[in-house]
Amino acid sequence: MKNTIAIILITLSIIGSGCAWFKTETEKSAEELNEDGRQYFEDERYKKAIESYKKLKDWYPFSKYATNAELKIADAHFEIEEYPEAISAYEEFENLHPTNENIPYVIYQIGRCYFVQLDTIDRDQATAQKALETFNRLIKSYPKDQYVIRAKEHIKDCLKSMAANEIYVGLFYFNSKKYKAAQCRFKSVIENYPDVGLHKSAFQYLAMTEAALRDEPLNQEKDKAKH
């Protein structure tokens, strides 16, 4: 009988200690996971921060820390240059919490995700256009917010990139002797991008193109005469 009782006590002791040994991170409290995420983020261990914040969000969706976790997940993706993931996370945050005090920051960050991906002027300007649209949305919705000043600076760079692309394409058409198409591009810079510092170049190229258009019939006649 004594041996039986001793075996039971030993077994219970092992089971009890085993629970402590095999405790997983998912058993951490929301506060503990939030602190883990915060520490990982500060240490620039962004992948680990995302893991902790996702666990917090999944296991404690109604915790007071959950909303912050959603935002920090987006920020962590941004820091490690995972821009599509960051955009998705920021947009999800905006959809879930449209009246949150951080929404101006969230819109600004969406714009930045596009802005930092601006390509060279010889490439498609889709990211510049998306960044421009996002920053303009911020200015329209929150005109007095602190992030508006930064957004306006980025807008100048977006417009300059798009205008430079127009000139690049216009010169391509000009060199290909497609003068009408070139003319449209140079006029577009003058009409649509007045304050980006490229007006002088656009006027020069436009004058050159219009001169070529005036000379074009004469050149065509010369070509016919040769044949």
Protein backbone atom coordinates (compact mmCIF):
# COMPACT_ATOMS: atom_id res chain seq x y z
CA MET A 1 0.00 0.00 0.00
CA LYS A 2 2.79 2.39 0.92
CA ASN A 3 4.58 1.54 -2.31
CA THR A 4 1.42 2.28 -4.31
CA ILE A 5 0.97 5.69 -2.65
CA ALA A 6 4.63 6.50 -3.25
CA ILE A 7 4.31 5.63 -6.96
CA ILE A 8 1.22 7.82 -7.30
CA LEU A 9 2.94 10.77 -5.63
CA ILE A 10 6.00 10.40 -7.85
CA THR A 11 3.83 10.18 -10.96
CA LEU A 12 1.90 13.32 -10.03
CA SER A 13 5.15 15.11 -9.34
CA ILE A 14 6.52 14.17 -12.78
CA ILE A 15 3.31 15.23 -14.52
CA GLY A 16 3.30 18.54 -12.68
CA SER A 17 6.89 19.33 -13.51
CA GLY A 18 6.35 18.14 -17.08
CA CYS A 19 3.73 20.83 -17.64
CA ALA A 20 6.31 23.46 -16.77
CA TRP A 21 8.93 21.83 -18.96
CA PHE A 22 6.67 21.72 -22.04
CA LYS A 23 5.02 25.13 -21.71
CA THR A 24 4.92 26.71 -25.18
CA GLU A 25 5.08 30.32 -26.19
CA THR A 26 1.40 30.21 -27.19
CA GLU A 27 0.63 29.87 -23.47
CA LYS A 28 2.18 33.26 -22.79
CA SER A 29 -0.18 36.04 -21.82
CA ALA A 30 -1.07 38.87 -24.19
CA GLU A 31 1.08 41.19 -22.13
CA GLU A 32 4.07 38.85 -22.37
CA LEU A 33 3.71 38.46 -26.14
CA ASN A 34 3.37 42.21 -26.51
CA GLU A 35 6.56 42.74 -24.54
CA ASP A 36 8.35 40.10 -26.61
CA GLY A 37 7.26 41.83 -29.81
CA ARG A 38 8.30 45.23 -28.52
CA GLN A 39 11.74 43.96 -27.50
CA TYR A 40 12.30 42.15 -30.80
CA PHE A 41 11.28 45.27 -32.70
CA GLU A 42 13.64 47.50 -30.72
CA ASP A 43 16.45 45.01 -31.34
CA GLU A 44 15.62 45.13 -35.09
CA ARG A 45 14.72 41.45 -35.08
CA TYR A 46 11.68 42.19 -37.16
CA LYS A 47 10.86 38.62 -38.23
CA LYS A 48 10.69 37.56 -34.58
CA ALA A 49 8.64 40.66 -33.76
CA ILE A 50 6.13 39.69 -36.44
CA GLU A 51 5.90 36.17 -35.00
CA SER A 52 5.19 37.45 -31.49
CA TYR A 53 2.67 40.05 -32.60
CA LYS A 54 0.86 37.55 -34.83
CA LYS A 55 0.54 35.12 -31.93
CA LEU A 56 -0.82 37.91 -29.79
CA LYS A 57 -3.34 38.89 -32.47
CA ASP A 58 -4.42 35.30 -33.12
CA TRP A 59 -4.64 34.11 -29.52
CA TYR A 60 -5.88 37.29 -27.88
CA PRO A 61 -7.88 39.16 -30.58
CA PHE A 62 -9.84 41.14 -27.98
CA SER A 63 -6.82 42.10 -25.90
CA LYS A 64 -6.00 45.76 -25.40
CA TYR A 65 -2.67 44.98 -27.09
CA ALA A 66 -4.17 43.47 -30.26
CA THR A 67 -4.67 46.71 -32.20
CA ASN A 68 -1.11 47.83 -31.55
CA ALA A 69 0.11 44.38 -32.61
CA GLU A 70 -1.64 44.77 -35.99
CA LEU A 71 0.09 48.09 -36.58
CA LYS A 72 3.52 46.84 -35.48
CA ILE A 73 3.24 43.87 -37.84
CA ALA A 74 2.85 46.33 -40.72
CA ASP A 75 5.76 48.43 -39.46
CA ALA A 76 7.98 45.37 -39.17
CA HIS A 77 7.24 44.34 -42.75
CA PHE A 78 8.12 47.87 -43.85
CA GLU A 79 11.43 47.79 -41.99
CA ILE A 80 12.53 44.59 -43.72
CA GLU A 81 11.41 45.98 -47.10
CA GLU A 82 8.54 43.55 -47.54
CA TYR A 83 6.45 46.31 -49.08
CA PRO A 84 3.52 44.31 -50.53
CA GLU A 85 3.06 42.65 -47.14
CA ALA A 86 3.35 46.00 -45.38
CA ILE A 87 0.77 47.61 -47.68
CA SER A 88 -1.63 44.72 -47.08
CA ALA A 89 -1.18 44.97 -43.30
CA TYR A 90 -1.62 48.76 -43.24
CA GLU A 91 -4.71 48.56 -45.44
CA GLU A 92 -6.19 45.86 -43.22
CA PHE A 93 -5.57 48.05 -40.18
CA GLU A 94 -7.28 51.00 -41.87
CA ASN A 95 -10.29 48.87 -42.82
CA LEU A 96 -10.64 47.41 -39.33
CA HIS A 97 -10.03 50.64 -37.42
CA PRO A 98 -11.13 53.56 -39.64
CA THR A 99 -11.45 55.98 -36.71
CA ASN A 100 -8.19 55.02 -34.98
CA GLU A 101 -5.92 57.94 -34.13
CA ASN A 102 -3.09 56.31 -36.10
CA ILE A 103 -4.92 56.34 -39.45
CA PRO A 104 -3.04 59.40 -40.81
CA TYR A 105 0.23 57.63 -40.05
CA VAL A 106 -1.08 54.45 -41.67
CA ILE A 107 -2.04 56.26 -44.90
CA TYR A 108 1.34 58.00 -44.93
CA GLN A 109 3.10 54.65 -44.54
CA ILE A 110 1.12 53.13 -47.40
CA GLY A 111 2.30 56.02 -49.53
CA ARG A 112 5.88 55.48 -48.38
CA CYS A 113 5.71 51.81 -49.34
CA TYR A 114 5.04 52.91 -52.91
CA PHE A 115 7.39 55.89 -52.75
CA VAL A 116 10.49 53.91 -51.76
CA GLN A 117 9.91 51.69 -54.78
CA LEU A 118 10.14 54.55 -57.28
CA ASP A 119 11.90 53.24 -60.35
CA THR A 120 14.27 54.99 -62.74
CA ILE A 121 12.75 57.45 -65.21
CA ASP A 122 13.02 54.98 -68.09
CA ARG A 123 10.68 52.54 -66.34
CA ASP A 124 6.95 52.42 -65.70
CA GLN A 125 5.84 55.04 -63.18
CA ALA A 126 2.99 53.03 -61.61
CA THR A 127 4.49 53.17 -58.11
CA ALA A 128 4.99 56.93 -58.40
CA GLN A 129 1.34 57.30 -59.40
CA LYS A 130 0.13 55.15 -56.50
CA ALA A 131 2.33 57.02 -54.03
CA LEU A 132 1.00 60.32 -55.36
CA GLU A 133 -2.62 59.19 -55.02
CA THR A 134 -2.05 57.96 -51.47
CA PHE A 135 -0.30 61.12 -50.29
CA ASN A 136 -3.04 63.25 -51.86
CA ARG A 137 -5.64 61.17 -50.03
CA LEU A 138 -3.84 61.90 -46.77
CA ILE A 139 -3.75 65.63 -47.48
CA LYS A 140 -7.43 65.71 -48.43
CA SER A 141 -8.61 63.65 -45.44
CA TYR A 142 -6.29 65.05 -42.77
CA PRO A 143 -5.04 68.45 -44.01
CA LYS A 144 -3.72 69.55 -40.61
CA ASP A 145 -1.99 66.32 -39.64
CA GLN A 146 1.74 66.31 -38.91
CA TYR A 147 2.43 63.80 -41.70
CA VAL A 148 1.06 66.13 -44.39
CA ILE A 149 4.30 68.15 -44.49
CA ARG A 150 6.33 65.01 -45.20
CA ALA A 151 3.77 63.81 -47.74
CA LYS A 152 4.04 67.08 -49.68
CA GLU A 153 7.80 66.68 -49.97
CA HIS A 154 7.36 63.16 -51.34
CA ILE A 155 4.73 64.42 -53.79
CA LYS A 156 7.30 66.77 -55.36
CA ASP A 157 9.63 63.83 -55.97
CA CYS A 158 6.81 61.72 -57.42
CA LEU A 159 5.82 64.47 -59.85
CA LYS A 160 9.41 65.07 -60.87
CA SER A 161 9.91 61.38 -61.58
CA MET A 162 6.73 61.23 -63.65
CA ALA A 163 7.63 64.40 -65.58
CA ALA A 164 11.15 63.10 -66.27
CA ASN A 165 9.61 59.91 -67.61
CA GLU A 166 7.43 61.95 -69.99
CA ILE A 167 10.53 63.73 -71.30
CA TYR A 168 12.38 60.42 -71.64
CA VAL A 169 9.55 58.90 -73.67
CA GLY A 170 9.21 62.11 -75.69
CA LEU A 171 12.88 61.99 -76.66
CA PHE A 172 12.50 58.35 -77.65
CA TYR A 173 9.67 59.31 -80.00
CA PHE A 174 11.65 62.29 -81.30
CA ASN A 175 14.66 60.14 -82.13
CA SER A 176 12.31 57.68 -83.82
CA LYS A 177 10.95 60.61 -85.89
CA LYS A 178 7.50 60.21 -84.35
CA TYR A 179 7.20 63.93 -83.84
CA LYS A 180 3.48 64.15 -83.08
CA ALA A 181 3.84 61.65 -80.25
CA ALA A 182 6.92 63.48 -78.97
CA GLN A 183 5.05 66.78 -79.09
CA CYS A 184 2.26 65.37 -76.90
CA ARG A 185 4.75 64.22 -74.28
CA PHE A 186 6.58 67.52 -74.05
CA LYS A 187 3.30 69.45 -73.88
CA SER A 188 2.18 67.13 -71.10
CA VAL A 189 5.18 68.15 -68.98
CA ILE A 190 4.43 71.84 -69.50
CA GLU A 191 0.72 71.50 -68.75
CA ASN A 192 0.69 68.86 -66.00
CA TYR A 193 3.98 69.31 -64.13
CA PRO A 194 4.50 73.07 -63.72
CA ASP A 195 6.62 73.15 -60.56
CA VAL A 196 9.13 70.32 -60.76
CA GLY A 197 12.04 72.12 -62.41
CA LEU A 198 11.74 70.54 -65.87
CA HIS A 199 9.79 73.26 -67.70
CA LYS A 200 12.84 74.77 -69.38
CA SER A 201 13.91 71.40 -70.83
CA ALA A 202 10.35 70.62 -71.92
CA PHE A 203 10.05 73.95 -73.79
CA GLN A 204 13.40 73.40 -75.50
CA TYR A 205 12.45 69.90 -76.64
CA LEU A 206 9.00 71.10 -77.71
CA ALA A 207 10.52 73.85 -79.86
CA MET A 208 12.89 71.32 -81.40
CA THR A 209 10.00 68.96 -82.12
CA GLU A 210 7.80 71.63 -83.66
CA ALA A 211 10.68 72.69 -85.89
CA ALA A 212 11.01 69.08 -87.02
CA LEU A 213 7.26 68.95 -87.72
CA ARG A 214 7.52 72.10 -89.88
CA ASP A 215 10.46 70.64 -91.80
CA GLU A 216 8.87 67.21 -92.16
CA PRO A 217 6.95 67.89 -95.45
CA LEU A 218 10.09 69.37 -97.02
CA ASN A 219 12.15 66.37 -95.95
CA GLN A 220 9.54 64.02 -97.35
CA GLU A 221 9.67 65.82 -100.69
CA LYS A 222 13.46 65.54 -100.69
CA ASP A 223 13.20 61.79 -100.02
CA LYS A 224 10.75 61.35 -102.91
CA ALA A 225 13.06 63.29 -105.24
CA LYS A 226 15.93 60.96 -104.40
CA HIS A 227 13.87 57.99 -105.46
